[in-house]
N, C-alpha and C. Protein backbone atom coordinates (compact mmCIF):
# COMPACT_ATOMS: atom_id res chain seq x y z
N MET A 1 7.91 2.08 -2.26
CA MET A 1 7.07 3.11 -1.99
C MET A 1 7.47 3.57 -3.55
N LYS A 2 5.96 4.32 -3.49
CA LYS A 2 6.54 5.30 -4.46
C LYS A 2 5.07 6.67 -4.33
N ILE A 3 5.84 7.71 -4.02
CA ILE A 3 5.65 9.32 -3.90
C ILE A 3 5.80 9.75 -5.52
N ILE A 4 4.53 10.80 -5.51
CA ILE A 4 4.14 11.46 -6.72
C ILE A 4 4.30 13.36 -5.58
N LEU A 5 5.26 13.73 -6.37
CA LEU A 5 5.64 15.67 -5.64
C LEU A 5 4.68 16.52 -6.37
N ASP A 6 4.08 17.16 -5.69
CA ASP A 6 2.58 18.13 -6.32
C ASP A 6 3.78 19.22 -7.10
N ALA A 7 2.83 20.41 -7.46
CA ALA A 7 3.78 21.50 -8.05
C ALA A 7 3.82 22.52 -7.40
N ASN A 8 4.10 22.08 -6.26
CA ASN A 8 4.51 22.91 -5.10
C ASN A 8 5.71 22.59 -4.08
N ILE A 9 6.05 21.53 -4.89
CA ILE A 9 6.99 20.86 -4.74
C ILE A 9 8.46 21.13 -6.17
N SER A 10 9.76 21.46 -5.21
CA SER A 10 10.08 21.69 -6.60
C SER A 10 10.42 19.77 -7.84
N TRP A 11 11.18 19.91 -8.82
CA TRP A 11 11.16 19.12 -9.02
C TRP A 11 12.60 18.64 -9.15
N LYS A 12 13.31 19.24 -9.06
CA LYS A 12 14.03 19.27 -8.60
C LYS A 12 14.83 18.11 -8.35
N LEU A 13 14.33 17.28 -6.66
CA LEU A 13 14.04 16.99 -5.61
C LEU A 13 13.57 15.11 -6.48
N VAL A 14 12.81 15.17 -7.17
CA VAL A 14 12.75 13.77 -8.05
C VAL A 14 13.82 12.88 -7.74
N SER A 15 15.57 13.30 -8.54
CA SER A 15 16.29 12.56 -8.93
C SER A 15 16.32 11.98 -7.27
N LYS A 16 17.06 12.96 -5.94
CA LYS A 16 17.81 12.83 -5.38
C LYS A 16 16.58 12.11 -4.45
N LEU A 17 15.12 11.55 -4.35
CA LEU A 17 14.69 10.70 -3.75
C LEU A 17 13.83 9.86 -4.36
N THR A 18 14.24 9.13 -5.66
CA THR A 18 14.62 8.61 -6.10
C THR A 18 14.86 7.10 -5.51
N PRO A 19 16.05 7.16 -5.35
CA PRO A 19 16.53 6.79 -4.34
C PRO A 19 15.95 5.85 -3.30
N ILE A 20 15.78 7.23 -2.26
CA ILE A 20 15.56 7.02 -0.66
C ILE A 20 13.92 6.10 -1.15
N PHE A 21 12.58 6.52 -1.43
CA PHE A 21 11.98 6.32 -2.12
C PHE A 21 11.23 4.86 -3.25
N ASP A 22 12.00 4.12 -3.82
CA ASP A 22 12.41 3.66 -4.91
C ASP A 22 11.57 4.61 -6.19
N GLU A 23 10.32 5.12 -5.58
CA GLU A 23 9.88 5.86 -7.06
C GLU A 23 9.34 7.69 -7.51
N CYS A 24 9.77 8.28 -7.77
CA CYS A 24 9.24 9.41 -7.65
C CYS A 24 9.04 9.83 -8.38
N ALA A 25 7.81 11.00 -8.16
CA ALA A 25 6.72 11.23 -9.49
C ALA A 25 7.23 12.66 -9.23
N HIS A 26 6.82 13.54 -10.47
CA HIS A 26 6.32 15.05 -10.07
C HIS A 26 5.73 15.19 -11.03
N VAL A 27 4.32 15.86 -11.11
CA VAL A 27 3.04 16.14 -11.75
C VAL A 27 3.56 16.43 -12.26
N ASP A 28 3.95 17.92 -12.65
CA ASP A 28 4.66 18.01 -14.50
C ASP A 28 5.04 17.41 -14.80
N HIS A 29 5.61 16.25 -14.48
CA HIS A 29 5.75 14.96 -15.35
C HIS A 29 5.18 13.84 -16.31
N ILE A 30 4.22 13.91 -15.99
CA ILE A 30 4.34 12.31 -15.29
C ILE A 30 3.02 12.50 -16.66
N GLY A 31 2.54 13.29 -17.63
CA GLY A 31 1.97 13.47 -19.02
C GLY A 31 0.30 14.69 -18.63
N LEU A 32 0.52 14.88 -17.40
CA LEU A 32 -0.51 15.32 -16.79
C LEU A 32 -0.49 16.89 -17.30
N ASN A 33 -2.24 17.96 -17.62
CA ASN A 33 -2.04 19.16 -18.17
C ASN A 33 -0.49 19.80 -16.60
N VAL A 34 -0.21 21.04 -17.28
CA VAL A 34 0.42 21.31 -16.91
C VAL A 34 0.16 23.08 -16.64
N PRO A 35 -0.44 23.63 -15.90
CA PRO A 35 -0.53 23.24 -14.37
C PRO A 35 -1.69 22.02 -14.70
N ALA A 36 -1.37 20.83 -13.40
CA ALA A 36 -2.35 19.92 -13.15
C ALA A 36 -3.52 20.22 -12.87
N ASN A 37 -5.17 19.50 -11.75
CA ASN A 37 -5.62 19.78 -11.19
C ASN A 37 -5.60 18.89 -10.36
N ASP A 38 -6.38 19.67 -9.54
CA ASP A 38 -6.24 18.39 -8.01
C ASP A 38 -6.66 16.73 -8.23
N MET A 39 -8.06 17.54 -8.71
CA MET A 39 -8.97 15.95 -9.06
C MET A 39 -7.62 14.72 -10.14
N ASP A 40 -7.27 15.73 -10.81
CA ASP A 40 -7.01 14.73 -12.03
C ASP A 40 -5.18 13.90 -11.13
N ILE A 41 -4.75 14.59 -11.10
CA ILE A 41 -3.26 14.25 -9.80
C ILE A 41 -4.33 13.41 -8.61
N TRP A 42 -5.28 13.60 -7.90
CA TRP A 42 -5.85 12.30 -6.74
C TRP A 42 -6.02 11.21 -8.31
N ASN A 43 -7.02 11.64 -9.60
CA ASN A 43 -6.27 10.17 -9.82
C ASN A 43 -5.23 9.38 -10.18
N TYR A 44 -4.61 10.35 -10.75
CA TYR A 44 -3.45 9.76 -11.05
C TYR A 44 -2.68 8.92 -10.22
N ALA A 45 -2.49 9.45 -8.87
CA ALA A 45 -2.01 8.67 -7.89
C ALA A 45 -3.05 7.35 -7.58
N LEU A 46 -3.90 7.87 -7.91
CA LEU A 46 -5.27 6.54 -7.41
C LEU A 46 -5.04 5.54 -8.89
N GLU A 47 -4.58 5.21 -9.36
CA GLU A 47 -4.40 4.39 -10.85
C GLU A 47 -3.52 4.14 -10.91
N ASN A 48 -1.85 4.52 -10.01
CA ASN A 48 -0.63 4.15 -10.42
C ASN A 48 0.19 3.92 -8.84
N GLY A 49 -1.03 3.86 -8.07
CA GLY A 49 -0.61 3.94 -6.14
C GLY A 49 0.97 4.56 -5.74
N TYR A 50 0.51 6.25 -5.91
CA TYR A 50 1.41 6.85 -5.55
C TYR A 50 1.04 7.79 -4.03
N ILE A 51 1.67 7.56 -3.55
CA ILE A 51 1.08 8.69 -2.03
C ILE A 51 1.16 10.45 -2.85
N ILE A 52 -0.10 10.90 -2.46
CA ILE A 52 0.97 11.80 -2.47
C ILE A 52 1.43 12.84 -1.02
N ILE A 53 2.93 14.23 -1.70
CA ILE A 53 3.33 14.68 -1.24
C ILE A 53 2.84 16.07 -1.51
N THR A 54 2.40 16.88 -0.43
CA THR A 54 1.93 17.86 -0.79
C THR A 54 2.16 19.29 0.09
N LYS A 55 2.27 20.27 -0.02
CA LYS A 55 2.10 21.68 0.22
C LYS A 55 0.64 22.01 0.68
N ASP A 56 -0.04 21.48 -0.81
CA ASP A 56 -1.93 22.25 -0.36
C ASP A 56 -3.14 21.48 0.45
N ASN A 57 -3.56 22.71 0.52
CA ASN A 57 -4.95 22.39 1.67
C ASN A 57 -5.92 21.37 0.97
N ASP A 58 -5.84 21.56 -0.43
CA ASP A 58 -7.31 21.43 -1.26
C ASP A 58 -7.10 19.94 -0.55
N PHE A 59 -6.26 19.31 -0.87
CA PHE A 59 -5.99 17.75 -0.96
C PHE A 59 -7.01 17.09 0.35
N LEU A 60 -6.55 18.22 1.45
CA LEU A 60 -7.06 17.33 2.68
C LEU A 60 -8.84 17.45 2.19
N ASP A 61 -9.95 18.51 1.39
CA ASP A 61 -10.97 18.42 1.43
C ASP A 61 -10.91 16.97 0.16
N LEU A 62 -10.17 16.74 -0.75
CA LEU A 62 -10.12 15.29 -1.51
C LEU A 62 -10.05 14.40 -0.57
N LEU A 63 -9.17 14.46 0.37
CA LEU A 63 -9.58 13.16 1.72
C LEU A 63 -10.63 12.93 1.48
N ASP A 64 -11.42 14.39 2.76
CA ASP A 64 -12.89 14.49 3.04
C ASP A 64 -14.33 13.56 1.97
N ILE A 65 -13.83 14.07 0.87
CA ILE A 65 -15.04 13.71 0.06
C ILE A 65 -14.49 12.24 -1.31
N CYS A 66 -13.65 12.23 -1.27
CA CYS A 66 -12.84 10.76 -1.72
C CYS A 66 -12.88 9.46 -1.49
N GLY A 67 -11.83 9.99 0.57
CA GLY A 67 -11.57 8.63 0.75
C GLY A 67 -10.17 8.47 0.77
N PHE A 68 -10.06 7.38 0.93
CA PHE A 68 -8.81 6.82 0.57
C PHE A 68 -8.52 5.78 0.27
N PRO A 69 -7.74 5.63 -0.90
CA PRO A 69 -6.42 5.87 -0.93
C PRO A 69 -6.48 6.60 -2.49
N PRO A 70 -5.98 7.43 -3.00
CA PRO A 70 -4.35 7.67 -2.69
C PRO A 70 -3.97 8.38 -0.45
N LYS A 71 -3.27 7.94 -0.47
CA LYS A 71 -2.67 9.27 1.20
C LYS A 71 -1.75 9.74 0.96
N VAL A 72 -1.99 10.78 1.27
CA VAL A 72 -1.72 12.66 1.34
C VAL A 72 -1.43 12.29 2.56
N VAL A 73 0.72 13.27 1.83
CA VAL A 73 1.49 13.40 2.41
C VAL A 73 1.34 15.38 2.63
N LEU A 74 0.89 16.16 3.92
CA LEU A 74 0.22 16.90 3.70
C LEU A 74 2.07 18.20 4.61
N ILE A 75 2.67 18.60 4.21
CA ILE A 75 3.72 19.53 4.40
C ILE A 75 3.49 21.19 4.85
N ARG A 76 3.54 21.16 6.40
CA ARG A 76 3.29 22.46 7.32
C ARG A 76 4.94 22.94 7.87
N THR A 77 5.50 23.74 6.71
CA THR A 77 6.29 24.09 7.09
C THR A 77 6.48 25.34 6.23
N GLY A 78 5.70 25.79 6.41
CA GLY A 78 6.00 27.67 4.82
C GLY A 78 7.02 27.35 4.00
N ASN A 79 7.76 28.63 3.67
CA ASN A 79 9.09 28.24 3.06
C ASN A 79 10.15 28.03 3.38
N ASN A 80 10.56 26.40 2.18
CA ASN A 80 11.23 26.43 3.18
C ASN A 80 12.50 25.79 1.78
N SER A 81 14.10 25.91 1.80
CA SER A 81 14.66 25.58 0.20
C SER A 81 14.50 23.67 -0.04
N SER A 82 14.71 24.12 -0.56
CA SER A 82 14.83 22.70 -1.34
C SER A 82 15.03 21.75 -0.90
N GLN A 83 16.80 22.07 -0.85
CA GLN A 83 17.32 21.02 0.26
C GLN A 83 16.67 21.35 1.43
N ALA A 84 15.62 21.14 2.61
CA ALA A 84 15.16 21.41 3.58
C ALA A 84 14.15 20.37 3.30
N LEU A 85 13.57 20.80 1.96
CA LEU A 85 12.18 20.04 1.65
C LEU A 85 13.01 18.29 1.64
N LEU A 86 14.12 18.54 0.86
CA LEU A 86 14.31 16.53 0.64
C LEU A 86 15.01 16.28 2.14
N GLU A 87 15.98 16.87 3.29
CA GLU A 87 15.79 16.48 4.36
C GLU A 87 14.70 16.41 4.96
N LEU A 88 13.91 17.08 4.91
CA LEU A 88 13.07 16.76 5.94
C LEU A 88 12.04 15.42 5.19
N LEU A 89 11.63 15.41 4.44
CA LEU A 89 11.19 14.06 3.45
C LEU A 89 12.18 12.89 3.68
N ILE A 90 13.23 12.93 3.65
CA ILE A 90 14.05 11.61 4.36
C ILE A 90 13.87 11.37 5.93
N ASN A 91 13.83 12.25 6.17
CA ASN A 91 14.11 11.91 7.13
C ASN A 91 12.30 11.71 8.05
N ALA A 92 11.29 11.78 7.51
CA ALA A 92 10.03 10.93 8.03
C ALA A 92 9.87 10.15 6.54
N LYS A 93 10.35 9.40 6.48
CA LYS A 93 10.72 8.13 5.51
C LYS A 93 10.13 6.94 6.61
N GLU A 94 10.34 6.65 7.00
CA GLU A 94 9.80 5.67 8.06
C GLU A 94 8.18 5.99 8.42
N LYS A 95 7.72 7.26 8.73
CA LYS A 95 6.16 8.17 9.41
C LYS A 95 5.65 6.93 7.38
N ILE A 96 6.26 7.77 6.16
CA ILE A 96 5.53 7.44 4.85
C ILE A 96 5.24 6.43 5.16
N GLY A 97 6.83 5.02 5.30
CA GLY A 97 5.75 4.20 5.29
C GLY A 97 4.91 3.45 5.96
N ASP A 98 4.75 4.50 6.75
CA ASP A 98 3.95 3.51 7.86
C ASP A 98 3.07 4.28 7.42
N LEU A 99 2.15 5.00 7.33
CA LEU A 99 0.98 5.66 6.60
C LEU A 99 0.45 4.39 5.32
N ARG A 100 2.02 4.60 3.74
CA ARG A 100 1.76 3.05 3.49
C ARG A 100 0.71 2.27 3.29
N ASN A 101 0.79 1.80 5.03
CA ASN A 101 0.84 0.51 5.73
C ASN A 101 -0.62 -0.09 6.68
N SER A 102 -0.73 1.89 6.87
CA SER A 102 -1.84 2.18 8.12
C SER A 102 -3.81 1.88 7.37
N ASN A 103 -4.53 2.49 8.18
CA ASN A 103 -5.76 2.55 8.19
C ASN A 103 -6.55 3.92 7.73
N ILE A 104 -5.19 4.37 8.22
CA ILE A 104 -5.11 6.49 8.01
C ILE A 104 -5.01 6.33 6.35
N GLY A 105 -5.59 7.84 5.87
CA GLY A 105 -5.32 8.22 5.11
C GLY A 105 -4.20 9.61 4.63
N LEU A 106 -3.63 10.21 5.29
CA LEU A 106 -3.56 12.16 6.02
C LEU A 106 -2.24 11.49 6.45
N LEU A 107 -0.91 12.06 7.24
CA LEU A 107 0.03 12.44 6.93
C LEU A 107 0.29 13.87 6.80
N GLU A 108 0.61 14.33 8.54
CA GLU A 108 0.88 15.79 8.49
C GLU A 108 2.37 15.94 9.43
N ILE A 109 3.50 16.36 7.97
CA ILE A 109 4.82 16.54 8.52
C ILE A 109 5.03 18.35 9.13
N ILE A 110 4.96 18.55 9.94
CA ILE A 110 5.11 20.16 10.51
C ILE A 110 6.46 20.51 11.81
N ASN A 111 7.22 21.13 10.96
CA ASN A 111 8.28 21.20 11.53
C ASN A 111 7.88 23.35 12.18
N ARG A 112 8.88 22.70 12.95
CA ARG A 112 8.55 23.58 14.23
C ARG A 112 9.93 24.90 14.96
N LYS A 113 10.67 25.41 13.96
CA LYS A 113 11.33 25.56 14.40
C LYS A 113 11.36 27.38 14.85
């Protein structure tokens, strides 16, 4: 499964998530302008088969306008450490895989601590 991390998620997670998700990239390291605009990220994910992992609600608007693919995982946890996000994504791997194989375009991950 291929995931791409939005700019609001640390690029340092790429090396830790790659063994878990087979392929993981960060928007700041794929050749797009930095900061990349959401539509450019959307198109890159679409053209390259990525699921977008983000904390940015703007991708909900793109889902409404463009439909899917690409699919989007929206993390709604507030401020978390990179370690907490890493654990959250690892724990959600099965759900993210289910999203990839489903006929829906959005998975929301909500941390209610």
